Amino acid sequence: MVLEDLFEEFSVHASDGITNPPIDELLDKAGSKYNLVIFSAKRARQINAYYSQLSEGLLEYVGPLVETHVHEKPLSIAFREINEGLVTLEPLDPIEAQA
């Protein structure tokens, strides 16, 4: 592999992240910055727990709903799931939360 090919491959993978999917699209899906942070963090924790439980043979959590790469972080996976509409945020009814 030529050094230029290696650089091109690295730059393509490095460009993904918070800019892909675009933050504006994510904000449209979540409604606010606060909702996006809470929603994506909760989903990232679920994905992380899924990977942790695989070695134990448990299936308590749902794994990634999009195709993932080996070194992709759970938060990036969560952002892509939100952007593609595979997971949705439903507002919590305060009356139901108290029950």
N, C-alpha and C. Protein backbone atom coordinates (compact mmCIF):
# COMPACT_ATOMS: atom_id res chain seq x y z
N MET A 1 0.85 -1.17 0.00
CA MET A 1 0.00 0.00 0.00
C MET A 1 0.90 1.24 0.00
N VAL A 2 0.63 2.12 -0.89
CA VAL A 2 1.40 3.35 -1.01
C VAL A 2 0.99 4.30 0.12
N LEU A 3 1.93 5.14 0.54
CA LEU A 3 1.67 6.07 1.63
C LEU A 3 0.47 6.97 1.34
N GLU A 4 0.32 7.39 0.08
CA GLU A 4 -0.82 8.24 -0.28
C GLU A 4 -2.15 7.51 -0.09
N ASP A 5 -2.17 6.21 -0.44
CA ASP A 5 -3.39 5.43 -0.25
C ASP A 5 -3.73 5.29 1.23
N LEU A 6 -2.70 5.08 2.03
CA LEU A 6 -2.90 4.97 3.47
C LEU A 6 -3.44 6.27 4.05
N PHE A 7 -2.89 7.40 3.61
CA PHE A 7 -3.35 8.70 4.08
C PHE A 7 -4.80 8.93 3.67
N GLU A 8 -5.13 8.56 2.42
CA GLU A 8 -6.50 8.75 1.94
C GLU A 8 -7.47 7.89 2.74
N GLU A 9 -7.09 6.65 3.01
CA GLU A 9 -7.95 5.76 3.79
C GLU A 9 -8.16 6.31 5.20
N PHE A 10 -7.09 6.81 5.82
CA PHE A 10 -7.19 7.37 7.16
C PHE A 10 -8.07 8.62 7.17
N SER A 11 -7.90 9.49 6.18
CA SER A 11 -8.65 10.74 6.17
C SER A 11 -10.13 10.49 5.94
N VAL A 12 -10.48 9.44 5.19
CA VAL A 12 -11.89 9.12 4.99
C VAL A 12 -12.51 8.67 6.30
N HIS A 13 -11.83 7.80 7.05
CA HIS A 13 -12.37 7.33 8.32
C HIS A 13 -12.34 8.42 9.38
N ALA A 14 -11.36 9.28 9.35
CA ALA A 14 -11.24 10.33 10.35
C ALA A 14 -12.31 11.40 10.17
N SER A 15 -12.87 11.52 8.95
CA SER A 15 -13.85 12.57 8.72
C SER A 15 -15.21 12.22 9.33
N ASP A 16 -15.45 10.93 9.62
CA ASP A 16 -16.70 10.55 10.27
C ASP A 16 -16.65 10.96 11.73
N GLY A 17 -17.79 11.00 12.36
CA GLY A 17 -17.85 11.37 13.76
C GLY A 17 -18.98 12.35 13.99
N ILE A 18 -18.72 13.38 14.76
CA ILE A 18 -19.76 14.34 15.10
C ILE A 18 -20.25 15.10 13.87
N THR A 19 -19.43 15.20 12.82
CA THR A 19 -19.87 15.89 11.61
C THR A 19 -20.65 14.97 10.69
N ASN A 20 -20.61 13.68 10.95
CA ASN A 20 -21.35 12.74 10.12
C ASN A 20 -22.07 11.78 11.03
N PRO A 21 -23.31 11.91 11.28
CA PRO A 21 -24.28 12.78 10.63
C PRO A 21 -24.17 14.23 11.11
N PRO A 22 -24.58 15.16 10.27
CA PRO A 22 -24.49 16.58 10.65
C PRO A 22 -25.30 16.90 11.91
N ILE A 23 -24.75 17.74 12.73
CA ILE A 23 -25.38 18.09 14.01
C ILE A 23 -26.76 18.72 13.81
N ASP A 24 -26.94 19.48 12.73
CA ASP A 24 -28.24 20.10 12.48
C ASP A 24 -29.32 19.06 12.24
N GLU A 25 -28.98 17.99 11.52
CA GLU A 25 -29.95 16.92 11.29
C GLU A 25 -30.30 16.21 12.60
N LEU A 26 -29.29 16.00 13.44
CA LEU A 26 -29.54 15.35 14.73
C LEU A 26 -30.43 16.22 15.62
N LEU A 27 -30.19 17.52 15.61
CA LEU A 27 -31.00 18.43 16.43
C LEU A 27 -32.45 18.45 15.95
N ASP A 28 -32.65 18.34 14.62
CA ASP A 28 -34.02 18.28 14.10
C ASP A 28 -34.74 17.03 14.60
N LYS A 29 -34.02 15.92 14.69
CA LYS A 29 -34.63 14.66 15.14
C LYS A 29 -34.92 14.68 16.64
N ALA A 30 -34.03 15.30 17.42
CA ALA A 30 -34.16 15.27 18.88
C ALA A 30 -34.99 16.43 19.43
N GLY A 31 -35.03 17.53 18.73
CA GLY A 31 -35.82 18.66 19.19
C GLY A 31 -35.03 19.73 19.93
N SER A 32 -34.02 19.33 20.69
CA SER A 32 -33.19 20.30 21.40
C SER A 32 -31.83 19.68 21.69
N LYS A 33 -30.88 20.53 22.05
CA LYS A 33 -29.54 20.04 22.40
C LYS A 33 -29.61 19.13 23.61
N TYR A 34 -30.41 19.54 24.58
CA TYR A 34 -30.54 18.76 25.81
C TYR A 34 -31.08 17.36 25.51
N ASN A 35 -32.15 17.29 24.73
CA ASN A 35 -32.72 15.99 24.37
C ASN A 35 -31.71 15.13 23.62
N LEU A 36 -30.97 15.74 22.72
CA LEU A 36 -29.98 15.00 21.93
C LEU A 36 -28.90 14.41 22.83
N VAL A 37 -28.41 15.19 23.78
CA VAL A 37 -27.36 14.72 24.68
C VAL A 37 -27.86 13.55 25.53
N ILE A 38 -29.02 13.71 26.14
CA ILE A 38 -29.57 12.66 27.01
C ILE A 38 -29.89 11.40 26.21
N PHE A 39 -30.56 11.59 25.09
CA PHE A 39 -31.00 10.46 24.25
C PHE A 39 -29.81 9.68 23.71
N SER A 40 -28.83 10.39 23.16
CA SER A 40 -27.68 9.70 22.57
C SER A 40 -26.81 9.04 23.64
N ALA A 41 -26.69 9.67 24.81
CA ALA A 41 -25.89 9.08 25.89
C ALA A 41 -26.55 7.80 26.41
N LYS A 42 -27.87 7.81 26.56
CA LYS A 42 -28.56 6.60 27.03
C LYS A 42 -28.42 5.47 26.02
N ARG A 43 -28.56 5.79 24.74
CA ARG A 43 -28.44 4.75 23.71
C ARG A 43 -27.00 4.24 23.64
N ALA A 44 -26.02 5.13 23.77
CA ALA A 44 -24.62 4.71 23.76
C ALA A 44 -24.33 3.78 24.93
N ARG A 45 -24.91 4.05 26.10
CA ARG A 45 -24.73 3.16 27.24
C ARG A 45 -25.34 1.79 26.98
N GLN A 46 -26.49 1.76 26.31
CA GLN A 46 -27.11 0.48 25.96
C GLN A 46 -26.22 -0.32 25.01
N ILE A 47 -25.65 0.36 24.02
CA ILE A 47 -24.77 -0.30 23.05
C ILE A 47 -23.53 -0.83 23.76
N ASN A 48 -22.96 -0.02 24.64
CA ASN A 48 -21.78 -0.44 25.39
C ASN A 48 -22.10 -1.65 26.27
N ALA A 49 -23.25 -1.64 26.92
CA ALA A 49 -23.67 -2.77 27.76
C ALA A 49 -23.89 -4.01 26.91
N TYR A 50 -24.42 -3.83 25.71
CA TYR A 50 -24.62 -4.96 24.81
C TYR A 50 -23.29 -5.64 24.49
N TYR A 51 -22.28 -4.85 24.15
CA TYR A 51 -20.97 -5.42 23.84
C TYR A 51 -20.37 -6.10 25.08
N SER A 52 -20.59 -5.54 26.25
CA SER A 52 -20.06 -6.13 27.48
C SER A 52 -20.72 -7.47 27.81
N GLN A 53 -22.00 -7.58 27.54
CA GLN A 53 -22.73 -8.80 27.89
C GLN A 53 -22.55 -9.92 26.87
N LEU A 54 -22.01 -9.62 25.70
CA LEU A 54 -21.83 -10.65 24.68
C LEU A 54 -20.97 -11.80 25.19
N SER A 55 -19.92 -11.48 25.93
CA SER A 55 -19.03 -12.53 26.43
C SER A 55 -19.72 -13.42 27.47
N GLU A 56 -20.76 -12.91 28.11
CA GLU A 56 -21.48 -13.68 29.12
C GLU A 56 -22.65 -14.46 28.52
N GLY A 57 -22.96 -14.22 27.26
CA GLY A 57 -24.05 -14.92 26.61
C GLY A 57 -25.43 -14.39 26.95
N LEU A 58 -25.50 -13.20 27.51
CA LEU A 58 -26.78 -12.58 27.85
C LEU A 58 -27.28 -11.74 26.69
N LEU A 59 -28.57 -11.58 26.60
CA LEU A 59 -29.15 -10.75 25.55
C LEU A 59 -30.17 -9.78 26.15
N GLU A 60 -29.73 -9.02 27.14
CA GLU A 60 -30.61 -8.09 27.82
C GLU A 60 -30.78 -6.79 27.02
N TYR A 61 -29.74 -6.35 26.33
CA TYR A 61 -29.77 -5.08 25.61
C TYR A 61 -29.78 -5.32 24.11
N VAL A 62 -30.33 -4.37 23.37
CA VAL A 62 -30.36 -4.44 21.92
C VAL A 62 -29.04 -3.90 21.38
N GLY A 63 -28.45 -4.62 20.46
CA GLY A 63 -27.18 -4.21 19.87
C GLY A 63 -27.37 -3.11 18.85
N PRO A 64 -26.29 -2.71 18.20
CA PRO A 64 -26.37 -1.65 17.19
C PRO A 64 -27.35 -2.00 16.08
N LEU A 65 -28.11 -1.01 15.65
CA LEU A 65 -29.11 -1.20 14.60
C LEU A 65 -28.58 -0.78 13.23
N VAL A 66 -27.36 -0.29 13.19
CA VAL A 66 -26.70 0.09 11.93
C VAL A 66 -25.42 -0.71 11.81
N GLU A 67 -24.91 -0.79 10.59
CA GLU A 67 -23.64 -1.48 10.38
C GLU A 67 -22.54 -0.69 11.07
N THR A 68 -21.68 -1.39 11.81
CA THR A 68 -20.63 -0.72 12.57
C THR A 68 -19.25 -1.17 12.11
N HIS A 69 -18.25 -0.38 12.48
CA HIS A 69 -16.86 -0.70 12.22
C HIS A 69 -16.22 -1.15 13.53
N VAL A 70 -15.09 -1.79 13.45
CA VAL A 70 -14.44 -2.37 14.62
C VAL A 70 -14.15 -1.34 15.70
N HIS A 71 -13.61 -0.20 15.33
CA HIS A 71 -13.19 0.79 16.32
C HIS A 71 -14.18 1.94 16.49
N GLU A 72 -15.40 1.76 16.03
CA GLU A 72 -16.39 2.83 16.13
C GLU A 72 -16.91 2.93 17.57
N LYS A 73 -17.01 4.12 18.06
CA LYS A 73 -17.44 4.35 19.44
C LYS A 73 -18.97 4.26 19.55
N PRO A 74 -19.46 3.82 20.71
CA PRO A 74 -20.91 3.69 20.89
C PRO A 74 -21.68 4.99 20.66
N LEU A 75 -21.10 6.13 21.01
CA LEU A 75 -21.80 7.40 20.80
C LEU A 75 -21.98 7.69 19.31
N SER A 76 -20.98 7.39 18.50
CA SER A 76 -21.09 7.58 17.05
C SER A 76 -22.17 6.67 16.47
N ILE A 77 -22.23 5.45 16.98
CA ILE A 77 -23.26 4.51 16.53
C ILE A 77 -24.64 5.04 16.91
N ALA A 78 -24.78 5.54 18.12
CA ALA A 78 -26.06 6.10 18.58
C ALA A 78 -26.48 7.28 17.72
N PHE A 79 -25.55 8.16 17.39
CA PHE A 79 -25.87 9.30 16.53
C PHE A 79 -26.39 8.84 15.17
N ARG A 80 -25.75 7.83 14.59
CA ARG A 80 -26.20 7.34 13.29
C ARG A 80 -27.57 6.69 13.38
N GLU A 81 -27.84 5.97 14.46
CA GLU A 81 -29.17 5.36 14.65
C GLU A 81 -30.24 6.44 14.77
N ILE A 82 -29.96 7.49 15.52
CA ILE A 82 -30.91 8.59 15.68
C ILE A 82 -31.16 9.26 14.34
N ASN A 83 -30.10 9.52 13.60
CA ASN A 83 -30.23 10.21 12.32
C ASN A 83 -31.04 9.39 11.31
N GLU A 84 -30.88 8.08 11.33
CA GLU A 84 -31.60 7.22 10.39
C GLU A 84 -33.01 6.89 10.86
N GLY A 85 -33.39 7.38 12.03
CA GLY A 85 -34.74 7.16 12.54
C GLY A 85 -34.99 5.76 13.07
N LEU A 86 -33.93 5.04 13.39
CA LEU A 86 -34.07 3.67 13.89
C LEU A 86 -34.43 3.63 15.37
N VAL A 87 -34.09 4.68 16.08
CA VAL A 87 -34.52 4.85 17.47
C VAL A 87 -35.17 6.22 17.57
N THR A 88 -36.22 6.32 18.36
CA THR A 88 -36.93 7.59 18.47
C THR A 88 -37.06 7.99 19.92
N LEU A 89 -37.15 9.27 20.13
CA LEU A 89 -37.31 9.85 21.46
C LEU A 89 -38.78 10.16 21.68
N GLU A 90 -39.34 9.59 22.73
CA GLU A 90 -40.73 9.87 23.07
C GLU A 90 -40.75 10.63 24.38
N PRO A 91 -41.47 11.76 24.42
CA PRO A 91 -41.52 12.55 25.65
C PRO A 91 -42.15 11.75 26.79
N LEU A 92 -41.62 11.96 27.97
CA LEU A 92 -42.11 11.28 29.16
C LEU A 92 -43.25 12.10 29.76
N ASP A 93 -44.36 11.45 29.99
CA ASP A 93 -45.50 12.10 30.62
C ASP A 93 -45.22 12.24 32.12
N PRO A 94 -45.21 13.46 32.66
CA PRO A 94 -44.86 13.65 34.08
C PRO A 94 -45.78 12.88 35.03
N ILE A 95 -47.03 12.70 34.66
CA ILE A 95 -47.97 11.97 35.53
C ILE A 95 -47.59 10.49 35.58
N GLU A 96 -47.22 9.92 34.42
CA GLU A 96 -46.81 8.52 34.39
C GLU A 96 -45.49 8.32 35.12
N ALA A 97 -44.61 9.31 35.08
CA ALA A 97 -43.30 9.20 35.73
C ALA A 97 -43.44 9.11 37.25
N GLN A 98 -44.46 9.77 37.80
CA GLN A 98 -44.67 9.75 39.24
C GLN A 98 -45.27 8.43 39.72
N ALA A 99 -45.96 7.73 38.84
CA ALA A 99 -46.64 6.48 39.23
C ALA A 99 -45.69 5.33 39.42
